[in-house]
Amino acid sequence: MAISTDYDAPRHPAGDLAEDSLEELTARRATAQSPLVDVDESDSGFELPGAELPDEELTVPVVPMRGDEFRCSSCFLVHHRSQLAREKNGAPICRECD
């Protein structure tokens, strides 16, 4: 026969918790924390990707929406008409958002 487990019972005996004073717990917490480090942001050496090309201009061709496509009113992505699930208040909803 299986032994039942009391999940509401404390995990530590009451005597272990009573022995620790507030000062000991505070001291233990202070030693466990890592010291704060003052970091100067201007000297961090961190560079953003693409920052080495300041004169480059990125261009992306914009293709207009075709006649057999629609823009979902929920996710705002352009889908083919075959992905149209329904229209809610006249606004198209794709199958992924339905």
PDB file of N, CA and C in Angstrom:
ATOM      1  N   MET A   1       0.832  -1.168   0.000  1.00  0.00           N
ATOM      2  CA  MET A   1       0.000   0.000   0.000  1.00  0.00           C
ATOM      3  C   MET A   1       0.888   1.247   0.000  1.00  0.00           C
ATOM      4  N   ALA A   2       0.498   2.258  -0.748  1.00  0.00           N
ATOM      5  CA  ALA A   2       1.306   3.472  -0.889  1.00  0.00           C
ATOM      6  C   ALA A   2       1.154   4.366   0.338  1.00  0.00           C
ATOM      7  N   ILE A   3       2.243   5.032   0.664  1.00  0.00           N
ATOM      8  CA  ILE A   3       2.238   5.961   1.783  1.00  0.00           C
ATOM      9  C   ILE A   3       1.817   7.330   1.267  1.00  0.00           C
ATOM     10  N   SER A   4       0.890   7.968   1.960  1.00  0.00           N
ATOM     11  CA  SER A   4       0.446   9.287   1.522  1.00  0.00           C
ATOM     12  C   SER A   4       1.462  10.347   1.951  1.00  0.00           C
ATOM     13  N   THR A   5       1.556  11.405   1.142  1.00  0.00           N
ATOM     14  CA  THR A   5       2.495  12.481   1.394  1.00  0.00           C
ATOM     15  C   THR A   5       1.726  13.739   1.773  1.00  0.00           C
ATOM     16  N   ASP A   6       2.139  14.380   2.854  1.00  0.00           N
ATOM     17  CA  ASP A   6       1.523  15.622   3.281  1.00  0.00           C
ATOM     18  C   ASP A   6       2.314  16.774   2.674  1.00  0.00           C
ATOM     19  N   TYR A   7       1.776  17.362   1.614  1.00  0.00           N
ATOM     20  CA  TYR A   7       2.470  18.438   0.924  1.00  0.00           C
ATOM     21  C   TYR A   7       2.409  19.765   1.680  1.00  0.00           C
ATOM     22  N   ASP A   8       1.520  19.854   2.668  1.00  0.00           N
ATOM     23  CA  ASP A   8       1.414  21.081   3.459  1.00  0.00           C
ATOM     24  C   ASP A   8       2.402  21.127   4.612  1.00  0.00           C
ATOM     25  N   ALA A   9       3.066  20.015   4.893  1.00  0.00           N
ATOM     26  CA  ALA A   9       4.010  19.966   6.007  1.00  0.00           C
ATOM     27  C   ALA A   9       5.243  20.791   5.667  1.00  0.00           C
ATOM     28  N   PRO A  10       5.854  21.463   6.658  1.00  0.00           N
ATOM     29  CA  PRO A  10       7.078  22.233   6.386  1.00  0.00           C
ATOM     30  C   PRO A  10       8.205  21.316   5.934  1.00  0.00           C
ATOM     31  N   ARG A  11       9.040  21.833   5.049  1.00  0.00           N
ATOM     32  CA  ARG A  11      10.135  21.037   4.497  1.00  0.00           C
ATOM     33  C   ARG A  11      11.298  20.925   5.463  1.00  0.00           C
ATOM     34  N   HIS A  12      11.502  21.929   6.326  1.00  0.00           N
ATOM     35  CA  HIS A  12      12.584  21.916   7.298  1.00  0.00           C
ATOM     36  C   HIS A  12      11.983  21.775   8.690  1.00  0.00           C
ATOM     37  N   PRO A  13      12.648  21.075   9.558  1.00  0.00           N
ATOM     38  CA  PRO A  13      12.148  21.016  10.936  1.00  0.00           C
ATOM     39  C   PRO A  13      12.129  22.425  11.533  1.00  0.00           C
ATOM     40  N   ALA A  14      11.197  22.677  12.428  1.00  0.00           N
ATOM     41  CA  ALA A  14      11.034  24.009  13.014  1.00  0.00           C
ATOM     42  C   ALA A  14      12.271  24.437  13.788  1.00  0.00           C
ATOM     43  N   GLY A  15      13.036  23.525  14.349  1.00  0.00           N
ATOM     44  CA  GLY A  15      14.235  23.854  15.119  1.00  0.00           C
ATOM     45  C   GLY A  15      15.323  24.471  14.270  1.00  0.00           C
ATOM     46  N   ASP A  16      15.460  24.081  12.995  1.00  0.00           N
ATOM     47  CA  ASP A  16      16.500  24.631  12.127  1.00  0.00           C
ATOM     48  C   ASP A  16      16.252  26.105  11.826  1.00  0.00           C
ATOM     49  N   LEU A  17      14.996  26.467  11.610  1.00  0.00           N
ATOM     50  CA  LEU A  17      14.681  27.846  11.280  1.00  0.00           C
ATOM     51  C   LEU A  17      14.795  28.767  12.481  1.00  0.00           C
ATOM     52  N   ALA A  18      14.520  28.252  13.672  1.00  0.00           N
ATOM     53  CA  ALA A  18      14.553  29.090  14.869  1.00  0.00           C
ATOM     54  C   ALA A  18      15.982  29.440  15.270  1.00  0.00           C
ATOM     55  N   GLU A  19      16.971  28.643  14.868  1.00  0.00           N
ATOM     56  CA  GLU A  19      18.351  28.885  15.252  1.00  0.00           C
ATOM     57  C   GLU A  19      18.965  30.068  14.505  1.00  0.00           C
ATOM     58  N   ASP A  20      18.504  30.362  13.299  1.00  0.00           N
ATOM     59  CA  ASP A  20      19.059  31.457  12.513  1.00  0.00           C
ATOM     60  C   ASP A  20      18.455  32.774  12.978  1.00  0.00           C
ATOM     61  N   SER A  21      19.312  33.699  13.379  1.00  0.00           N
ATOM     62  CA  SER A  21      18.818  35.001  13.805  1.00  0.00           C
ATOM     63  C   SER A  21      18.716  35.919  12.592  1.00  0.00           C
ATOM     64  N   LEU A  22      18.055  37.037  12.778  1.00  0.00           N
ATOM     65  CA  LEU A  22      17.887  37.995  11.706  1.00  0.00           C
ATOM     66  C   LEU A  22      19.231  38.552  11.256  1.00  0.00           C
ATOM     67  N   GLU A  23      20.142  38.764  12.206  1.00  0.00           N
ATOM     68  CA  GLU A  23      21.469  39.290  11.863  1.00  0.00           C
ATOM     69  C   GLU A  23      22.250  38.290  11.012  1.00  0.00           C
ATOM     70  N   GLU A  24      22.138  36.998  11.344  1.00  0.00           N
ATOM     71  CA  GLU A  24      22.848  35.974  10.569  1.00  0.00           C
ATOM     72  C   GLU A  24      22.288  35.890   9.150  1.00  0.00           C
ATOM     73  N   LEU A  25      20.972  35.961   9.033  1.00  0.00           N
ATOM     74  CA  LEU A  25      20.367  35.901   7.707  1.00  0.00           C
ATOM     75  C   LEU A  25      20.743  37.123   6.873  1.00  0.00           C
ATOM     76  N   THR A  26      20.772  38.299   7.484  1.00  0.00           N
ATOM     77  CA  THR A  26      21.158  39.516   6.769  1.00  0.00           C
ATOM     78  C   THR A  26      22.618  39.459   6.343  1.00  0.00           C
ATOM     79  N   ALA A  27      23.486  38.965   7.220  1.00  0.00           N
ATOM     80  CA  ALA A  27      24.908  38.852   6.886  1.00  0.00           C
ATOM     81  C   ALA A  27      25.113  37.838   5.766  1.00  0.00           C
ATOM     82  N   ARG A  28      24.385  36.741   5.817  1.00  0.00           N
ATOM     83  CA  ARG A  28      24.492  35.714   4.773  1.00  0.00           C
ATOM     84  C   ARG A  28      24.037  36.268   3.431  1.00  0.00           C
ATOM     85  N   ARG A  29      22.980  37.067   3.436  1.00  0.00           N
ATOM     86  CA  ARG A  29      22.473  37.651   2.198  1.00  0.00           C
ATOM     87  C   ARG A  29      23.475  38.662   1.627  1.00  0.00           C
ATOM     88  N   ALA A  30      24.101  39.455   2.489  1.00  0.00           N
ATOM     89  CA  ALA A  30      25.067  40.464   2.035  1.00  0.00           C
ATOM     90  C   ALA A  30      26.303  39.817   1.420  1.00  0.00           C
ATOM     91  N   THR A  31      26.768  38.706   1.974  1.00  0.00           N
ATOM     92  CA  THR A  31      27.955  38.045   1.426  1.00  0.00           C
ATOM     93  C   THR A  31      27.618  37.278   0.151  1.00  0.00           C
ATOM     94  N   ALA A  32      26.360  36.880  -0.024  1.00  0.00           N
ATOM     95  CA  ALA A  32      25.978  36.111  -1.210  1.00  0.00           C
ATOM     96  C   ALA A  32      25.829  37.003  -2.432  1.00  0.00           C
ATOM     97  N   GLN A  33      25.540  38.285  -2.230  1.00  0.00           N
ATOM     98  CA  GLN A  33      25.359  39.182  -3.364  1.00  0.00           C
ATOM     99  C   GLN A  33      26.707  39.589  -3.936  1.00  0.00           C
ATOM    100  N   SER A  34      26.752  39.723  -5.256  1.00  0.00           N
ATOM    101  CA  SER A  34      27.995  40.147  -5.896  1.00  0.00           C
ATOM    102  C   SER A  34      28.156  41.655  -5.733  1.00  0.00           C
ATOM    103  N   PRO A  35      29.374  42.143  -5.682  1.00  0.00           N
ATOM    104  CA  PRO A  35      29.580  43.584  -5.523  1.00  0.00           C
ATOM    105  C   PRO A  35      29.143  44.328  -6.784  1.00  0.00           C
ATOM    106  N   LEU A  36      28.671  45.544  -6.592  1.00  0.00           N
ATOM    107  CA  LEU A  36      28.239  46.362  -7.723  1.00  0.00           C
ATOM    108  C   LEU A  36      29.458  46.889  -8.470  1.00  0.00           C
ATOM    109  N   VAL A  37      29.364  46.911  -9.780  1.00  0.00           N
ATOM    110  CA  VAL A  37      30.462  47.366 -10.619  1.00  0.00           C
ATOM    111  C   VAL A  37      30.003  48.607 -11.356  1.00  0.00           C
ATOM    112  N   ASP A  38      30.787  49.659 -11.293  1.00  0.00           N
ATOM    113  CA  ASP A  38      30.478  50.890 -12.001  1.00  0.00           C
ATOM    114  C   ASP A  38      31.064  50.785 -13.406  1.00  0.00           C
ATOM    115  N   VAL A  39      30.190  50.779 -14.397  1.00  0.00           N
ATOM    116  CA  VAL A  39      30.623  50.622 -15.778  1.00  0.00           C
ATOM    117  C   VAL A  39      30.437  51.950 -16.494  1.00  0.00           C
ATOM    118  N   ASP A  40      31.512  52.427 -17.106  1.00  0.00           N
ATOM    119  CA  ASP A  40      31.442  53.655 -17.889  1.00  0.00           C
ATOM    120  C   ASP A  40      30.993  53.274 -19.295  1.00  0.00           C
ATOM    121  N   GLU A  41      29.840  53.774 -19.717  1.00  0.00           N
ATOM    122  CA  GLU A  41      29.274  53.380 -20.999  1.00  0.00           C
ATOM    123  C   GLU A  41      30.115  53.845 -22.185  1.00  0.00           C
ATOM    124  N   SER A  42      30.841  54.935 -22.036  1.00  0.00           N
ATOM    125  CA  SER A  42      31.625  55.441 -23.154  1.00  0.00           C
ATOM    126  C   SER A  42      32.875  54.602 -23.412  1.00  0.00           C
ATOM    127  N   ASP A  43      33.307  53.827 -22.439  1.00  0.00           N
ATOM    128  CA  ASP A  43      34.525  53.031 -22.574  1.00  0.00           C
ATOM    129  C   ASP A  43      34.233  51.531 -22.509  1.00  0.00           C
ATOM    130  N   SER A  44      33.042  51.131 -22.909  1.00  0.00           N
ATOM    131  CA  SER A  44      32.673  49.728 -22.773  1.00  0.00           C
ATOM    132  C   SER A  44      33.244  48.862 -23.895  1.00  0.00           C
ATOM    133  N   GLY A  45      33.577  49.443 -25.045  1.00  0.00           N
ATOM    134  CA  GLY A  45      34.120  48.662 -26.144  1.00  0.00           C
ATOM    135  C   GLY A  45      33.050  47.933 -26.932  1.00  0.00           C
ATOM    136  N   PHE A  46      31.802  48.197 -26.660  1.00  0.00           N
ATOM    137  CA  PHE A  46      30.701  47.535 -27.352  1.00  0.00           C
ATOM    138  C   PHE A  46      30.327  48.328 -28.591  1.00  0.00           C
ATOM    139  N   GLU A  47      30.264  47.653 -29.734  1.00  0.00           N
ATOM    140  CA  GLU A  47      29.893  48.306 -30.980  1.00  0.00           C
ATOM    141  C   GLU A  47      28.637  47.667 -31.534  1.00  0.00           C
ATOM    142  N   LEU A  48      27.762  48.483 -32.070  1.00  0.00           N
ATOM    143  CA  LEU A  48      26.544  47.973 -32.668  1.00  0.00           C
ATOM    144  C   LEU A  48      26.851  47.364 -34.026  1.00  0.00           C
ATOM    145  N   PRO A  49      26.159  46.285 -34.397  1.00  0.00           N
ATOM    146  CA  PRO A  49      26.378  45.692 -35.710  1.00  0.00           C
ATOM    147  C   PRO A  49      26.001  46.682 -36.810  1.00  0.00           C
ATOM    148  N   GLY A  50      26.839  46.790 -37.802  1.00  0.00           N
ATOM    149  CA  GLY A  50      26.592  47.699 -38.909  1.00  0.00           C
ATOM    150  C   GLY A  50      27.120  49.095 -38.673  1.00  0.00           C
ATOM    151  N   ALA A  51      27.669  49.370 -37.496  1.00  0.00           N
ATOM    152  CA  ALA A  51      28.180  50.704 -37.194  1.00  0.00           C
ATOM    153  C   ALA A  51      29.463  50.994 -37.954  1.00  0.00           C
ATOM    154  N   GLU A  52      30.133  49.971 -38.445  1.00  0.00           N
ATOM    155  CA  GLU A  52      31.382  50.185 -39.170  1.00  0.00           C
ATOM    156  C   GLU A  52      31.145  50.646 -40.611  1.00  0.00           C
ATOM    157  N   LEU A  53      29.892  50.712 -41.049  1.00  0.00           N
ATOM    158  CA  LEU A  53      29.562  51.154 -42.404  1.00  0.00           C
ATOM    159  C   LEU A  53      28.673  52.393 -42.349  1.00  0.00           C
ATOM    160  N   PRO A  54      29.209  53.531 -41.938  1.00  0.00           N
ATOM    161  CA  PRO A  54      28.354  54.713 -41.767  1.00  0.00           C
ATOM    162  C   PRO A  54      27.884  55.316 -43.090  1.00  0.00           C
ATOM    163  N   ASP A  55      28.611  55.087 -44.183  1.00  0.00           N
ATOM    164  CA  ASP A  55      28.255  55.698 -45.458  1.00  0.00           C
ATOM    165  C   ASP A  55      27.328  54.819 -46.294  1.00  0.00           C
ATOM    166  N   GLU A  56      27.094  53.598 -45.858  1.00  0.00           N
ATOM    167  CA  GLU A  56      26.245  52.682 -46.614  1.00  0.00           C
ATOM    168  C   GLU A  56      24.777  52.997 -46.370  1.00  0.00           C
ATOM    169  N   GLU A  57      23.990  52.936 -47.431  1.00  0.00           N
ATOM    170  CA  GLU A  57      22.555  53.127 -47.314  1.00  0.00           C
ATOM    171  C   GLU A  57      21.869  51.828 -47.708  1.00  0.00           C
ATOM    172  N   LEU A  58      21.079  51.305 -46.819  1.00  0.00           N
ATOM    173  CA  LEU A  58      20.385  50.059 -47.092  1.00  0.00           C
ATOM    174  C   LEU A  58      19.052  50.361 -47.746  1.00  0.00           C
ATOM    175  N   THR A  59      18.798  49.699 -48.849  1.00  0.00           N
ATOM    176  CA  THR A  59      17.536  49.903 -49.550  1.00  0.00           C
ATOM    177  C   THR A  59      16.865  48.555 -49.757  1.00  0.00           C
ATOM    178  N   VAL A  60      15.557  48.565 -49.630  1.00  0.00           N
ATOM    179  CA  VAL A  60      14.764  47.356 -49.827  1.00  0.00           C
ATOM    180  C   VAL A  60      13.674  47.690 -50.829  1.00  0.00           C
ATOM    181  N   PRO A  61      13.554  46.910 -51.888  1.00  0.00           N
ATOM    182  CA  PRO A  61      12.490  47.202 -52.850  1.00  0.00           C
ATOM    183  C   PRO A  61      11.118  46.880 -52.246  1.00  0.00           C
ATOM    184  N   VAL A  62      10.177  47.788 -52.422  1.00  0.00           N
ATOM    185  CA  VAL A  62       8.815  47.587 -51.923  1.00  0.00           C
ATOM    186  C   VAL A  62       7.968  47.083 -53.077  1.00  0.00           C
ATOM    187  N   VAL A  63       7.375  45.920 -52.893  1.00  0.00           N
ATOM    188  CA  VAL A  63       6.541  45.317 -53.926  1.00  0.00           C
ATOM    189  C   VAL A  63       5.083  45.558 -53.539  1.00  0.00           C
ATOM    190  N   PRO A  64       4.293  46.145 -54.417  1.00  0.00           N
ATOM    191  CA  PRO A  64       2.889  46.386 -54.074  1.00  0.00           C
ATOM    192  C   PRO A  64       2.116  45.070 -53.943  1.00  0.00           C
ATOM    193  N   MET A  65       1.056  45.129 -53.152  1.00  0.00           N
ATOM    194  CA  MET A  65       0.237  43.944 -52.930  1.00  0.00           C
ATOM    195  C   MET A  65      -0.463  43.555 -54.234  1.00  0.00           C
ATOM    196  N   ARG A  66      -0.454  42.262 -54.526  1.00  0.00           N
ATOM    197  CA  ARG A  66      -1.072  41.772 -55.761  1.00  0.00           C
ATOM    198  C   ARG A  66      -2.584  41.636 -55.579  1.00  0.00           C
ATOM    199  N   GLY A  67      -3.258  41.405 -56.665  1.00  0.00           N
ATOM    200  CA  GLY A  67      -4.716  41.287 -56.641  1.00  0.00           C
ATOM    201  C   GLY A  67      -5.208  40.047 -55.913  1.00  0.00           C
ATOM    202  N   ASP A  68      -4.366  38.987 -55.856  1.00  0.00           N
ATOM    203  CA  ASP A  68      -4.791  37.764 -55.189  1.00  0.00           C
ATOM    204  C   ASP A  68      -4.264  37.679 -53.753  1.00  0.00           C
ATOM    205  N   GLU A  69      -3.874  38.812 -53.170  1.00  0.00           N
ATOM    206  CA  GLU A  69      -3.362  38.848 -51.807  1.00  0.00           C
ATOM    207  C   GLU A  69      -4.237  39.747 -50.946  1.00  0.00           C
ATOM    208  N   PHE A  70      -4.139  39.562 -49.639  1.00  0.00           N
ATOM    209  CA  PHE A  70      -4.859  40.415 -48.698  1.00  0.00           C
ATOM    210  C   PHE A  70      -3.993  40.620 -47.469  1.00  0.00           C
ATOM    211  N   ARG A  71      -4.292  41.674 -46.731  1.00  0.00           N
ATOM    212  CA  ARG A  71      -3.577  41.959 -45.499  1.00  0.00           C
ATOM    213  C   ARG A  71      -4.496  41.598 -44.333  1.00  0.00           C
ATOM    214  N   CYS A  72      -4.026  40.718 -43.468  1.00  0.00           N
ATOM    215  CA  CYS A  72      -4.804  40.281 -42.314  1.00  0.00           C
ATOM    216  C   CYS A  72      -4.979  41.462 -41.352  1.00  0.00           C
ATOM    217  N   SER A  73      -6.184  41.649 -40.869  1.00  0.00           N
ATOM    218  CA  SER A  73      -6.446  42.769 -39.954  1.00  0.00           C
ATOM    219  C   SER A  73      -6.020  42.446 -38.522  1.00  0.00           C
ATOM    220  N   SER A  74      -5.580  41.222 -38.278  1.00  0.00           N
ATOM    221  CA  SER A  74      -5.127  40.852 -36.932  1.00  0.00           C
ATOM    222  C   SER A  74      -3.597  40.881 -36.831  1.00  0.00           C
ATOM    223  N   CYS A  75      -2.901  40.198 -37.739  1.00  0.00           N
ATOM    224  CA  CYS A  75      -1.434  40.141 -37.674  1.00  0.00           C
ATOM    225  C   CYS A  75      -0.765  41.122 -38.644  1.00  0.00           C
ATOM    226  N   PHE A  76      -1.546  41.721 -39.543  1.00  0.00           N
ATOM    227  CA  PHE A  76      -1.073  42.718 -40.510  1.00  0.00           C
ATOM    228  C   PHE A  76      -0.058  42.167 -41.508  1.00  0.00           C
ATOM    229  N   LEU A  77      -0.050  40.861 -41.706  1.00  0.00           N
ATOM    230  CA  LEU A  77       0.808  40.254 -42.715  1.00  0.00           C
ATOM    231  C   LEU A  77       0.030  40.083 -44.010  1.00  0.00           C
ATOM    232  N   VAL A  78       0.752  40.096 -45.126  1.00  0.00           N
ATOM    233  CA  VAL A  78       0.129  39.898 -46.427  1.00  0.00           C
ATOM    234  C   VAL A  78       0.133  38.409 -46.745  1.00  0.00           C
ATOM    235  N   HIS A  79      -1.057  37.880 -47.064  1.00  0.00           N
ATOM    236  CA  HIS A  79      -1.230  36.458 -47.364  1.00  0.00           C
ATOM    237  C   HIS A  79      -1.891  36.302 -48.734  1.00  0.00           C
ATOM    238  N   HIS A  80      -1.770  35.097 -49.268  1.00  0.00           N
ATOM    239  CA  HIS A  80      -2.479  34.752 -50.497  1.00  0.00           C
ATOM    240  C   HIS A  80      -3.951  34.538 -50.155  1.00  0.00           C
ATOM    241  N   ARG A  81      -4.826  34.752 -51.108  1.00  0.00           N
ATOM    242  CA  ARG A  81      -6.273  34.600 -50.879  1.00  0.00           C
ATOM    243  C   ARG A  81      -6.652  33.216 -50.362  1.00  0.00           C
ATOM    244  N   SER A  82      -5.840  32.218 -50.644  1.00  0.00           N
ATOM    245  CA  SER A  82      -6.145  30.866 -50.168  1.00  0.00           C
ATOM    246  C   SER A  82      -6.016  30.757 -48.646  1.00  0.00           C
ATOM    247  N   GLN A  83      -5.359  31.719 -48.007  1.00  0.00           N
ATOM    248  CA  GLN A  83      -5.194  31.718 -46.558  1.00  0.00           C
ATOM    249  C   GLN A  83      -6.306  32.486 -45.839  1.00  0.00           C
ATOM    250  N   LEU A  84      -7.266  33.015 -46.587  1.00  0.00           N
ATOM    251  CA  LEU A  84      -8.361  33.772 -45.995  1.00  0.00           C
ATOM    252  C   LEU A  84      -9.305  32.830 -45.263  1.00  0.00           C
ATOM    253  N   ALA A  85      -9.494  33.042 -43.967  1.00  0.00           N
ATOM    254  CA  ALA A  85     -10.374  32.192 -43.167  1.00  0.00           C
ATOM    255  C   ALA A  85     -11.773  32.775 -43.103  1.00  0.00           C
ATOM    256  N   ARG A  86     -11.880  34.059 -42.787  1.00  0.00           N
ATOM    257  CA  ARG A  86     -13.184  34.713 -42.678  1.00  0.00           C
ATOM    258  C   ARG A  86     -12.980  36.220 -42.670  1.00  0.00           C
ATOM    259  N   GLU A  87     -14.087  36.925 -42.654  1.00  0.00           N
ATOM    260  CA  GLU A  87     -14.049  38.372 -42.520  1.00  0.00           C
ATOM    261  C   GLU A  87     -14.822  38.750 -41.271  1.00  0.00           C
ATOM    262  N   LYS A  88     -14.223  39.582 -40.453  1.00  0.00           N
ATOM    263  CA  LYS A  88     -14.859  40.032 -39.223  1.00  0.00           C
ATOM    264  C   LYS A  88     -15.108  41.533 -39.356  1.00  0.00           C
ATOM    265  N   ASN A  89     -16.375  41.940 -39.382  1.00  0.00           N
ATOM    266  CA  ASN A  89     -16.765  43.330 -39.583  1.00  0.00           C
ATOM    267  C   ASN A  89     -16.165  43.909 -40.858  1.00  0.00           C
ATOM    268  N   GLY A  90     -16.097  43.096 -41.905  1.00  0.00           N
ATOM    269  CA  GLY A  90     -15.572  43.532 -43.189  1.00  0.00           C
ATOM    270  C   GLY A  90     -14.056  43.493 -43.302  1.00  0.00           C
ATOM    271  N   ALA A  91     -13.365  43.098 -42.224  1.00  0.00           N
ATOM    272  CA  ALA A  91     -11.907  43.039 -42.247  1.00  0.00           C
ATOM    273  C   ALA A  91     -11.464  41.579 -42.382  1.00  0.00           C
ATOM    274  N   PRO A  92     -10.542  41.303 -43.306  1.00  0.00           N
ATOM    275  CA  PRO A  92     -10.109  39.917 -43.529  1.00  0.00           C
ATOM    276  C   PRO A  92      -9.258  39.386 -42.389  1.00  0.00           C
ATOM    277  N   ILE A  93      -9.441  38.088 -42.062  1.00  0.00           N
ATOM    278  CA  ILE A  93      -8.666  37.392 -41.031  1.00  0.00           C
ATOM    279  C   ILE A  93      -8.055  36.154 -41.683  1.00  0.00           C
ATOM    280  N   CYS A  94      -6.741  35.958 -41.470  1.00  0.00           N
ATOM    281  CA  CYS A  94      -6.056  34.801 -42.056  1.00  0.00           C
ATOM    282  C   CYS A  94      -6.320  33.536 -41.218  1.00  0.00           C
ATOM    283  N   ARG A  95      -5.942  32.390 -41.751  1.00  0.00           N
ATOM    284  CA  ARG A  95      -6.164  31.110 -41.066  1.00  0.00           C
ATOM    285  C   ARG A  95      -5.332  30.993 -39.789  1.00  0.00           C
ATOM    286  N   GLU A  96      -4.168  31.594 -39.763  1.00  0.00           N
ATOM    287  CA  GLU A  96      -3.320  31.519 -38.580  1.00  0.00           C
ATOM    288  C   GLU A  96      -3.912  32.288 -37.409  1.00  0.00           C
ATOM    289  N   CYS A  97      -4.608  33.379 -37.684  1.00  0.00           N
ATOM    290  CA  CYS A  97      -5.181  34.204 -36.611  1.00  0.00           C
ATOM    291  C   CYS A  97      -6.587  33.769 -36.240  1.00  0.00           C
ATOM    292  N   ASP A  98      -7.217  32.954 -37.067  1.00  0.00           N
ATOM    293  CA  ASP A  98      -8.593  32.525 -36.816  1.00  0.00           C
ATOM    294  C   ASP A  98      -8.684  31.535 -35.701  1.00  0.00           C
TER     295      ASP A  98
END
